[in-house]
C-alpha atoms as a PDB file:
ATOM      1  CA  UNK A   1      10.128   8.817 -29.711  1.00  0.00           C
ATOM      2  CA  UNK A   2      13.543   6.804 -30.152  1.00  0.00           C
ATOM      3  CA  UNK A   3      14.744   6.091 -32.809  1.00  0.00           C
ATOM      4  CA  UNK A   4      17.262   3.186 -34.205  1.00  0.00           C
ATOM      5  CA  UNK A   5      18.405   2.089 -38.451  1.00  0.00           C
ATOM      6  CA  UNK A   6      20.696  -0.254 -38.178  1.00  0.00           C
ATOM      7  CA  UNK A   7      22.562  -1.912 -41.064  1.00  0.00           C
ATOM      8  CA  UNK A   8      22.286  -5.158 -41.004  1.00  0.00           C
ATOM      9  CA  UNK A   9      25.065  -7.839 -42.904  1.00  0.00           C
ATOM     10  CA  UNK A  10      22.609  -8.852 -46.293  1.00  0.00           C
ATOM     11  CA  UNK A  11      22.450  -5.145 -47.556  1.00  0.00           C
ATOM     12  CA  UNK A  12      18.890  -4.517 -45.713  1.00  0.00           C
ATOM     13  CA  UNK A  13      17.808  -2.069 -43.138  1.00  0.00           C
ATOM     14  CA  UNK A  14      17.199  -3.010 -39.347  1.00  0.00           C
ATOM     15  CA  UNK A  15      14.830  -0.650 -37.618  1.00  0.00           C
ATOM     16  CA  UNK A  16      14.331   0.339 -34.106  1.00  0.00           C
ATOM     17  CA  UNK A  17      11.250   2.202 -33.012  1.00  0.00           C
ATOM     18  CA  UNK A  18      10.589   2.637 -29.866  1.00  0.00           C
ATOM     19  CA  UNK A  19       7.179   4.810 -29.028  1.00  0.00           C
ATOM     20  CA  UNK A  20       8.367   6.297 -25.337  1.00  0.00           C
ATOM     21  CA  UNK A  21       5.063   7.522 -25.378  1.00  0.00           C
ATOM     22  CA  UNK A  22       3.618   4.631 -25.177  1.00  0.00           C
ATOM     23  CA  UNK A  23       6.264   2.929 -22.791  1.00  0.00           C
ATOM     24  CA  UNK A  24       5.830   5.919 -20.717  1.00  0.00           C
ATOM     25  CA  UNK A  25       2.260   4.988 -20.240  1.00  0.00           C
ATOM     26  CA  UNK A  26       2.810   1.173 -19.935  1.00  0.00           C
ATOM     27  CA  UNK A  27       4.946   1.637 -17.157  1.00  0.00           C
ATOM     28  CA  UNK A  28       2.530   3.971 -15.614  1.00  0.00           C
ATOM     29  CA  UNK A  29      -0.125   1.705 -15.367  1.00  0.00           C
ATOM     30  CA  UNK A  30       2.464  -0.896 -14.200  1.00  0.00           C
ATOM     31  CA  UNK A  31       3.880   1.275 -11.155  1.00  0.00           C
ATOM     32  CA  UNK A  32       0.372   2.195  -9.943  1.00  0.00           C
ATOM     33  CA  UNK A  33      -0.291  -0.910 -10.186  1.00  0.00           C
ATOM     34  CA  UNK A  34       2.084  -1.706  -7.748  1.00  0.00           C
ATOM     35  CA  UNK A  35       2.099   0.487  -5.557  1.00  0.00           C
ATOM     36  CA  UNK A  36      -2.190  -0.715  -5.466  1.00  0.00           C
ATOM     37  CA  UNK A  37      -1.287  -3.687  -4.581  1.00  0.00           C
ATOM     38  CA  UNK A  38       0.921  -2.463  -1.911  1.00  0.00           C
ATOM     39  CA  UNK A  39      -0.954  -0.290  -0.150  1.00  0.00           C
ATOM     40  CA  UNK A  40      -3.647  -2.871  -0.073  1.00  0.00           C
ATOM     41  CA  UNK A  41      -1.177  -5.829   1.145  1.00  0.00           C
ATOM     42  CA  UNK A  42      -0.131  -2.733   4.344  1.00  0.00           C
ATOM     43  CA  UNK A  43      -3.587  -1.970   4.696  1.00  0.00           C
ATOM     44  CA  UNK A  44      -4.486  -5.895   5.435  1.00  0.00           C
ATOM     45  CA  UNK A  45      -1.805  -6.207   7.131  1.00  0.00           C
ATOM     46  CA  UNK A  46      -2.240  -3.688   9.716  1.00  0.00           C
ATOM     47  CA  UNK A  47      -5.804  -4.322   9.771  1.00  0.00           C
ATOM     48  CA  UNK A  48      -5.862  -7.210  10.901  1.00  0.00           C
ATOM     49  CA  UNK A  49      -2.982  -6.111  13.594  1.00  0.00           C
ATOM     50  CA  UNK A  50      -4.994  -4.223  14.790  1.00  0.00           C
ATOM     51  CA  UNK A  51      -7.972  -5.718  15.009  1.00  0.00           C
ATOM     52  CA  UNK A  52      -6.234  -8.669  16.699  1.00  0.00           C
ATOM     53  CA  UNK A  53      -4.667  -5.967  20.189  1.00  0.00           C
ATOM     54  CA  UNK A  54      -8.264  -4.401  19.837  1.00  0.00           C
ATOM     55  CA  UNK A  55      -9.556  -5.100  23.403  1.00  0.00           C
ATOM     56  CA  UNK A  56     -12.823  -6.583  23.439  1.00  0.00           C
ATOM     57  CA  UNK A  57     -15.498  -5.679  25.270  1.00  0.00           C
ATOM     58  CA  UNK A  58     -18.575  -5.909  23.255  1.00  0.00           C
ATOM     59  CA  UNK A  59     -16.988  -6.662  19.461  1.00  0.00           C
ATOM     60  CA  UNK A  60     -17.833  -3.167  18.117  1.00  0.00           C
ATOM     61  CA  UNK A  61     -15.270  -1.470  18.117  1.00  0.00           C
ATOM     62  CA  UNK A  62     -13.134  -4.739  17.199  1.00  0.00           C
ATOM     63  CA  UNK A  63     -15.801  -5.191  13.619  1.00  0.00           C
ATOM     64  CA  UNK A  64     -15.149  -1.412  12.965  1.00  0.00           C
ATOM     65  CA  UNK A  65     -11.812  -1.255  12.013  1.00  0.00           C
ATOM     66  CA  UNK A  66     -11.147  -1.495   8.018  1.00  0.00           C
ATOM     67  CA  UNK A  67      -8.679   0.846   5.477  1.00  0.00           C
ATOM     68  CA  UNK A  68      -9.160   2.282   1.945  1.00  0.00           C
ATOM     69  CA  UNK A  69      -6.881   3.341  -0.358  1.00  0.00           C
ATOM     70  CA  UNK A  70      -6.247   5.945  -2.904  1.00  0.00           C
ATOM     71  CA  UNK A  71      -3.930   6.781  -5.537  1.00  0.00           C
ATOM     72  CA  UNK A  72       0.001   6.900  -2.706  1.00  0.00           C
ATOM     73  CA  UNK A  73      -2.450   6.373   0.539  1.00  0.00           C
ATOM     74  CA  UNK A  74      -3.859   3.646   2.635  1.00  0.00           C
ATOM     75  CA  UNK A  75      -5.529   5.203   5.805  1.00  0.00           C
ATOM     76  CA  UNK A  76      -6.787   2.351   8.534  1.00  0.00           C
ATOM     77  CA  UNK A  77      -9.478   3.314  10.986  1.00  0.00           C
ATOM     78  CA  UNK A  78     -12.291   3.213  12.475  1.00  0.00           C
ATOM     79  CA  UNK A  79     -15.611   5.093  12.429  1.00  0.00           C
ATOM     80  CA  UNK A  80     -16.618   3.944  16.630  1.00  0.00           C
ATOM     81  CA  UNK A  81     -17.130   7.688  18.361  1.00  0.00           C
ATOM     82  CA  UNK A  82     -14.966   5.861  21.387  1.00  0.00           C
ATOM     83  CA  UNK A  83     -12.605   4.514  19.875  1.00  0.00           C
ATOM     84  CA  UNK A  84     -10.069   7.499  20.220  1.00  0.00           C
ATOM     85  CA  UNK A  85     -10.350   6.942  23.794  1.00  0.00           C
ATOM     86  CA  UNK A  86      -9.845   3.758  24.051  1.00  0.00           C
ATOM     87  CA  UNK A  87      -6.620   4.249  21.609  1.00  0.00           C
ATOM     88  CA  UNK A  88      -5.301   7.018  23.528  1.00  0.00           C
ATOM     89  CA  UNK A  89      -6.881   6.653  27.212  1.00  0.00           C
ATOM     90  CA  UNK A  90      -8.829   9.104  29.429  1.00  0.00           C
ATOM     91  CA  UNK A  91      -8.561  10.785  32.570  1.00  0.00           C
ATOM     92  CA  UNK A  92     -10.800   8.136  33.885  1.00  0.00           C
ATOM     93  CA  UNK A  93      -8.829   4.929  31.549  1.00  0.00           C
ATOM     94  CA  UNK A  94      -5.491   3.623  30.768  1.00  0.00           C
ATOM     95  CA  UNK A  95      -5.120   4.335  26.942  1.00  0.00           C
ATOM     96  CA  UNK A  96      -4.722   0.784  24.962  1.00  0.00           C
ATOM     97  CA  UNK A  97      -3.207   1.891  21.575  1.00  0.00           C
ATOM     98  CA  UNK A  98      -4.419  -0.690  19.066  1.00  0.00           C
ATOM     99  CA  UNK A  99      -4.093   1.427  15.173  1.00  0.00           C
ATOM    100  CA  UNK A 100      -0.783   3.571  16.838  1.00  0.00           C
ATOM    101  CA  UNK A 101       0.706  -0.211  16.844  1.00  0.00           C
ATOM    102  CA  UNK A 102      -0.412  -2.069  13.996  1.00  0.00           C
ATOM    103  CA  UNK A 103       1.370   0.495  11.593  1.00  0.00           C
ATOM    104  CA  UNK A 104       4.598   0.556  14.228  1.00  0.00           C
ATOM    105  CA  UNK A 105       4.271  -2.600  15.064  1.00  0.00           C
ATOM    106  CA  UNK A 106       5.125  -3.594  11.260  1.00  0.00           C
ATOM    107  CA  UNK A 107       7.220  -0.770   8.916  1.00  0.00           C
ATOM    108  CA  UNK A 108       9.777  -2.979   8.042  1.00  0.00           C
ATOM    109  CA  UNK A 109       7.228  -5.142   7.151  1.00  0.00           C
ATOM    110  CA  UNK A 110       5.344  -2.241   5.061  1.00  0.00           C
ATOM    111  CA  UNK A 111       8.939  -1.570   3.823  1.00  0.00           C
ATOM    112  CA  UNK A 112       9.595  -4.580   2.299  1.00  0.00           C
ATOM    113  CA  UNK A 113       6.139  -4.982   1.026  1.00  0.00           C
ATOM    114  CA  UNK A 114       6.662  -1.835  -1.421  1.00  0.00           C
ATOM    115  CA  UNK A 115       9.388  -2.643  -1.677  1.00  0.00           C
ATOM    116  CA  UNK A 116       9.127  -6.830  -3.629  1.00  0.00           C
ATOM    117  CA  UNK A 117       5.641  -4.981  -5.139  1.00  0.00           C
ATOM    118  CA  UNK A 118       8.016  -2.321  -6.988  1.00  0.00           C
ATOM    119  CA  UNK A 119      10.348  -4.660  -7.428  1.00  0.00           C
ATOM    120  CA  UNK A 120       8.124  -6.481  -9.695  1.00  0.00           C
ATOM    121  CA  UNK A 121       5.878  -9.027  -7.360  1.00  0.00           C
END
């Protein structure tokens, strides 16, 4: 806890007290919220980009693409069992990447999003 006492010109005391513990809690909470907003925005952009690039035969793979966040990570992916074969290819099928480009092609945009949110949006 920081304290500062300063005399006023009127002869009274002027007190300023900063409770650094409460300030730290407020800053930490706001920082976590900013990080969460950035991760959600990044996830939405990556998901949309991946869905636009995803090859479509039945729509199952495209519709399964989603993202989730935890404290400091955003993960984009799918639970469709053949997704990796489409992304990376096989000995019988050419690769048709859609997840990797969703991240790599938008990296600068993601960086700008994170910076903007951490600066207060």
